[in-house]
Protein backbone atom coordinates (compact mmCIF):
# COMPACT_ATOMS: atom_id res chain seq x y z
CA UNK A 1 55.08 -71.30 -9.15
CA UNK A 2 51.51 -71.42 -10.48
CA UNK A 3 51.05 -74.88 -8.69
CA UNK A 4 52.40 -73.33 -5.25
CA UNK A 5 49.92 -70.64 -5.38
CA UNK A 6 47.18 -72.75 -6.35
CA UNK A 7 48.01 -75.13 -3.50
CA UNK A 8 48.37 -72.29 -1.26
CA UNK A 9 44.74 -70.85 -2.20
CA UNK A 10 43.28 -74.40 -1.55
CA UNK A 11 44.98 -74.65 1.83
CA UNK A 12 43.86 -71.29 2.95
CA UNK A 13 40.04 -71.94 1.63
CA UNK A 14 40.44 -75.17 3.65
CA UNK A 15 41.37 -73.41 6.74
CA UNK A 16 38.76 -70.84 6.22
CA UNK A 17 35.71 -73.60 5.82
CA UNK A 18 37.40 -75.31 9.15
CA UNK A 19 37.10 -71.77 10.96
CA UNK A 20 33.66 -71.51 10.00
CA UNK A 21 32.38 -74.87 10.93
CA UNK A 22 34.20 -74.90 14.13
CA UNK A 23 32.83 -70.87 14.86
CA UNK A 24 28.73 -72.85 13.63
CA UNK A 25 29.74 -76.00 15.86
CA UNK A 26 30.36 -73.74 18.84
CA UNK A 27 27.27 -71.56 17.81
CA UNK A 28 24.37 -74.45 17.37
CA UNK A 29 26.05 -76.41 20.61
CA UNK A 30 25.93 -73.10 22.81
CA UNK A 31 29.83 -74.56 23.98
CA UNK A 32 32.21 -71.78 22.66
CA UNK A 33 35.69 -72.46 21.25
CA UNK A 34 38.56 -70.72 20.31
CA UNK A 35 36.96 -70.16 16.89
CA UNK A 36 33.82 -68.95 18.22
CA UNK A 37 35.42 -66.41 20.60
CA UNK A 38 37.79 -64.93 18.26
CA UNK A 39 34.71 -64.59 15.63
CA UNK A 40 32.62 -62.58 18.41
CA UNK A 41 35.43 -60.71 19.67
CA UNK A 42 35.82 -59.29 15.98
CA UNK A 43 32.15 -59.00 15.03
CA UNK A 44 31.44 -57.08 18.18
CA UNK A 45 32.64 -53.88 17.21
CA UNK A 46 31.38 -54.08 13.84
CA UNK A 47 28.07 -54.94 15.27
CA UNK A 48 27.86 -51.83 17.24
CA UNK A 49 29.18 -50.14 14.38
CA UNK A 50 26.24 -51.27 12.44
CA UNK A 51 23.67 -50.71 15.18
CA UNK A 52 24.74 -47.13 15.87
CA UNK A 53 24.61 -46.51 12.24
CA UNK A 54 21.15 -48.13 11.86
CA UNK A 55 19.97 -45.89 15.29
CA UNK A 56 21.42 -42.57 13.18
CA UNK A 57 19.50 -43.61 10.18
CA UNK A 58 16.40 -43.78 11.96
CA UNK A 59 17.00 -40.65 14.14
CA UNK A 60 17.67 -38.98 10.60
CA UNK A 61 14.55 -40.44 8.79
CA UNK A 62 12.38 -39.35 11.96
CA UNK A 63 13.97 -36.08 11.82
CA UNK A 64 13.22 -35.64 8.19
CA UNK A 65 9.65 -36.61 8.92
CA UNK A 66 9.24 -34.33 11.39
CA UNK A 67 10.93 -31.29 9.33
CA UNK A 68 8.74 -32.15 6.35
CA UNK A 69 5.63 -32.06 8.81
CA UNK A 70 7.21 -28.89 10.55
CA UNK A 71 7.41 -27.17 6.86
CA UNK A 72 4.16 -28.28 5.95
CA UNK A 73 2.68 -26.65 8.89
CA UNK A 74 4.41 -23.53 8.36
CA UNK A 75 3.35 -23.21 4.85
CA UNK A 76 -0.08 -23.58 6.23
CA UNK A 77 0.53 -21.00 8.59
CA UNK A 78 1.82 -18.93 5.97
CA UNK A 79 -0.88 -18.94 3.78
CA UNK A 80 -3.44 -18.13 6.58
CA UNK A 81 -1.60 -15.31 7.80
CA UNK A 82 -1.76 -13.87 4.01
CA UNK A 83 -5.44 -14.84 3.91
CA UNK A 84 -5.69 -12.62 7.36
CA UNK A 85 -3.93 -9.94 6.20
CA UNK A 86 -6.16 -10.01 2.87
CA UNK A 87 -9.06 -9.88 5.01
CA UNK A 88 -7.98 -7.11 6.96
CA UNK A 89 -7.44 -4.90 4.12
CA UNK A 90 -10.44 -5.66 2.64
CA UNK A 91 -11.97 -4.86 6.06
CA UNK A 92 -10.05 -1.67 5.98
CA UNK A 93 -11.12 -0.37 2.48
CA UNK A 94 -14.86 -1.59 2.98
CA UNK A 95 -14.36 0.97 6.63
CA UNK A 96 -13.08 3.99 4.41
CA UNK A 97 -15.43 3.37 1.52
CA UNK A 98 -18.60 3.35 4.18
CA UNK A 99 -16.65 6.46 5.69
CA UNK A 100 -16.24 8.13 2.47
CA UNK A 101 -20.07 7.51 1.42
CA UNK A 102 -21.32 8.46 4.93
CA UNK A 103 -19.53 12.00 4.22
CA UNK A 104 -20.95 12.11 0.61
CA UNK A 105 -24.35 11.62 2.12
CA UNK A 106 -24.06 14.11 4.73
CA UNK A 107 -22.47 16.70 1.55
CA UNK A 108 -25.68 15.87 -0.28
CA UNK A 109 -28.17 16.71 2.74
CA UNK A 110 -26.42 19.91 3.39
CA UNK A 111 -26.54 20.86 -0.26
CA UNK A 112 -29.48 19.43 -1.83
CA UNK A 113 -28.86 21.86 -4.94
CA UNK A 114 -25.93 19.93 -5.97
CA UNK A 115 -25.96 17.78 -8.54
CA UNK A 116 -22.83 15.66 -8.26
CA UNK A 117 -20.98 13.07 -10.53
CA UNK A 118 -18.62 10.50 -9.39
CA UNK A 119 -15.11 10.38 -11.22
CA UNK A 120 -11.98 8.70 -10.76
CA UNK A 121 -8.53 9.96 -11.64
CA UNK A 122 -6.85 8.42 -14.48
CA UNK A 123 -3.73 10.28 -15.22
CA UNK A 124 -1.93 13.33 -13.59
CA UNK A 125 -0.31 16.31 -15.63
CA UNK A 126 3.72 15.20 -16.22
CA UNK A 127 4.32 19.31 -16.35
CA UNK A 128 6.45 20.89 -13.65
CA UNK A 129 4.94 24.13 -14.32
CA UNK A 130 1.00 23.11 -13.76
CA UNK A 131 -1.24 21.39 -11.57
CA UNK A 132 -3.40 18.95 -13.55
CA UNK A 133 -5.16 15.56 -13.81
CA UNK A 134 -7.44 13.75 -15.99
CA UNK A 135 -10.73 12.25 -15.06
CA UNK A 136 -12.75 9.08 -16.40
CA UNK A 137 -16.37 11.12 -17.22
CA UNK A 138 -16.67 13.38 -19.95
CA UNK A 139 -19.67 15.32 -21.81
CA UNK A 140 -21.28 11.84 -22.29
CA UNK A 141 -21.71 12.08 -18.78
CA UNK A 142 -22.75 15.83 -18.88
CA UNK A 143 -19.42 17.11 -17.89
CA UNK A 144 -18.83 20.69 -19.18
CA UNK A 145 -15.65 23.04 -18.80
CA UNK A 146 -15.97 25.08 -15.81
CA UNK A 147 -17.48 22.19 -13.70
CA UNK A 148 -16.24 22.81 -10.05
CA UNK A 149 -14.40 19.43 -8.72
CA UNK A 150 -14.58 18.84 -4.99
CA UNK A 151 -14.09 15.83 -2.48
CA UNK A 152 -16.49 13.97 -0.89
CA UNK A 153 -16.09 16.82 2.21
CA UNK A 154 -16.68 19.64 -0.04
CA UNK A 155 -13.37 20.19 -0.29
CA UNK A 156 -12.21 22.19 -3.42
CA UNK A 157 -9.93 20.21 -5.81
CA UNK A 158 -10.08 22.29 -9.17
CA UNK A 159 -12.61 23.42 -12.15
CA UNK A 160 -12.78 21.32 -15.50
CA UNK A 161 -10.67 22.85 -18.25
CA UNK A 162 -11.33 20.76 -21.20
CA UNK A 163 -13.83 17.74 -21.85
CA UNK A 164 -13.81 14.82 -24.15
CA UNK A 165 -16.64 12.35 -24.61
CA UNK A 166 -15.41 10.12 -21.90
CA UNK A 167 -13.02 12.24 -20.11
CA UNK A 168 -11.86 15.39 -18.95
CA UNK A 169 -8.76 17.57 -17.74
CA UNK A 170 -9.00 19.44 -14.53
CA UNK A 171 -6.57 22.32 -13.28
CA UNK A 172 -6.34 21.75 -9.38
CA UNK A 173 -6.63 25.02 -7.20
CA UNK A 174 -2.78 25.33 -6.42
CA UNK A 175 -1.90 25.95 -10.57
CA UNK A 176 -0.60 28.98 -11.18
CA UNK A 177 -3.57 29.84 -13.40
CA UNK A 178 -6.01 28.91 -10.80
CA UNK A 179 -8.10 31.66 -9.04
CA UNK A 180 -11.45 32.07 -7.05
CA UNK A 181 -13.14 34.43 -5.28
CA UNK A 182 -12.55 33.71 -1.69
CA UNK A 183 -13.68 34.72 2.17
CA UNK A 184 -12.18 34.37 5.29
CA UNK A 185 -14.64 32.24 7.55
CA UNK A 186 -13.75 33.93 10.75
CA UNK A 187 -14.15 37.68 9.67
CA UNK A 188 -15.95 37.35 6.29
CA UNK A 189 -13.00 38.99 4.86
CA UNK A 190 -13.15 39.14 1.06
CA UNK A 191 -10.23 37.91 -1.18
CA UNK A 192 -8.89 35.90 -3.77
CA UNK A 193 -7.22 32.40 -3.55
CA UNK A 194 -4.99 31.67 -6.30
CA UNK A 195 -2.43 29.59 -7.51
CA UNK A 196 1.52 30.81 -7.33
CA UNK A 197 4.39 28.66 -8.92
CA UNK A 198 6.32 28.91 -5.96
CA UNK A 199 3.92 27.88 -3.54
CA UNK A 200 2.56 25.20 -6.05
CA UNK A 201 5.70 23.48 -5.76
CA UNK A 202 5.03 23.20 -1.90
CA UNK A 203 1.36 22.07 -2.39
CA UNK A 204 -0.01 25.42 -1.57
CA UNK A 205 -1.65 28.67 -2.98
CA UNK A 206 -1.92 32.08 -2.07
CA UNK A 207 -4.92 34.44 -0.74
CA UNK A 208 -4.33 37.95 -2.11
CA UNK A 209 -6.13 41.47 -2.43
CA UNK A 210 -5.83 41.54 1.41
CA UNK A 211 -5.17 45.30 1.70
CA UNK A 212 -5.67 45.45 5.43
CA UNK A 213 -2.74 44.76 7.57
CA UNK A 214 -3.02 42.02 10.21
CA UNK A 215 -6.21 40.94 8.99
CA UNK A 216 -5.10 37.37 8.38
CA UNK A 217 -4.68 34.84 11.41
CA UNK A 218 -2.95 31.74 10.91
CA UNK A 219 -5.43 28.94 11.17
CA UNK A 220 -8.23 30.79 9.77
CA UNK A 221 -10.27 28.44 7.34
CA UNK A 222 -10.91 29.87 3.66
CA UNK A 223 -14.13 29.44 1.79
CA UNK A 224 -15.21 29.90 -1.70
CA UNK A 225 -17.27 33.03 -1.78
CA UNK A 226 -19.32 32.00 -5.24
CA UNK A 227 -18.00 35.14 -6.96
CA UNK A 228 -17.64 34.60 -10.45
CA UNK A 229 -20.28 31.65 -10.76
CA UNK A 230 -17.40 28.74 -11.23
CA UNK A 231 -17.60 27.57 -7.48
CA UNK A 232 -20.66 27.65 -5.29
CA UNK A 233 -19.92 29.64 -2.08
CA UNK A 234 -19.09 27.49 1.36
CA UNK A 235 -16.60 25.17 -0.32
CA UNK A 236 -13.59 24.57 1.98
CA UNK A 237 -10.44 25.75 0.02
CA UNK A 238 -8.20 25.31 3.16
CA UNK A 239 -6.32 27.12 6.05
CA UNK A 240 -4.27 29.99 5.99
CA UNK A 241 -0.62 28.61 7.35
CA UNK A 242 1.70 31.75 6.68
CA UNK A 243 1.34 35.46 6.08
CA UNK A 244 3.69 37.78 4.71
CA UNK A 245 3.58 41.59 3.23
CA UNK A 246 2.78 42.23 -0.61
CA UNK A 247 5.48 43.68 -2.53
CA UNK A 248 5.61 47.52 -1.64
CA UNK A 249 4.04 46.98 1.77
CA UNK A 250 0.76 47.31 0.30
CA UNK A 251 -1.15 44.97 2.66
CA UNK A 252 -0.53 41.37 3.07
CA UNK A 253 -1.08 37.68 1.41
CA UNK A 254 -1.67 34.75 3.20
CA UNK A 255 -0.35 31.30 2.21
CA UNK A 256 -3.11 28.71 2.01
CA UNK A 257 -2.80 24.80 2.98
CA UNK A 258 -5.41 22.91 0.96
CA UNK A 259 -7.94 20.89 2.57
CA UNK A 260 -7.92 18.36 0.01
CA UNK A 261 -4.85 16.32 -0.12
CA UNK A 262 -4.21 16.13 -3.69
CA UNK A 263 -1.50 13.69 -3.69
CA UNK A 264 -3.57 11.04 -2.11
CA UNK A 265 -6.68 11.50 -4.49
CA UNK A 266 -8.06 8.81 -6.49
CA UNK A 267 -11.80 9.45 -6.60
CA UNK A 268 -13.42 12.96 -6.82
CA UNK A 269 -16.56 14.40 -7.44
CA UNK A 270 -18.05 16.91 -10.41
CA UNK A 271 -20.55 19.80 -9.25
CA UNK A 272 -22.52 19.48 -12.51
CA UNK A 273 -24.86 22.26 -11.37
CA UNK A 274 -26.00 23.96 -8.24
CA UNK A 275 -28.76 26.17 -6.81
CA UNK A 276 -29.03 30.03 -6.58
CA UNK A 277 -27.96 29.23 -2.80
CA UNK A 278 -24.71 28.46 -4.19
CA UNK A 279 -24.30 31.76 -5.76
CA UNK A 280 -22.15 34.70 -4.40
CA UNK A 281 -22.57 35.14 -0.93
CA UNK A 282 -23.82 38.45 0.04
């Protein structure tokens, strides 16, 4: 059996050699024969398949090159957009800072008697029963208890209640323990602006000791009167946004919305001293 298989293998190999020989002969002589035509008919589909595969590989490689180029371009565009956004933010910050400095300059020009010290808020009080924050300036910079705190616009923020060497604590104007002499700008009516717990939760304060009914008008501006010597006269406290009758019907009180946006504060100014022009208005 082994000899038969060996003989058959030799015969098949010889046949293949002859087929290849005749095929090669037909190819080189340019005269196709049976073997050449058979080989071409079998090889043609395979050749087309290989050609199509090569084209697809080339197309895929071109796609990947284009994809990589687009990806690199997209990353470059993202980086440039991020740079432009940073430039816009920086420009907006610079413009805001310039506006703030111009406003502060106007305040200094109109109140040459003010000795001002800039300070930054470093933390807000955590109690739900009060409204306080800490500043990064203290007694080393000349800060004392009772110094008034304002914005660059001259809006009342609060008063210093405690000082350390390099920091101080401030009670805001809406704190329930806060109180200051006030006057209604349009009428000259004297009153007291004080904190109220229920109004503090709304970010507002109360204008009290108004004994004349209907003496308050919505939209009236409330200023400091200078009474008590803590706040100089003429600082803006806020505007009257509501009125109500006092308990018992004796007079009315006003609800004042502060001019200073306390929730957005980051930097404030302490009035370390002011002249006689800022004392109680007569």
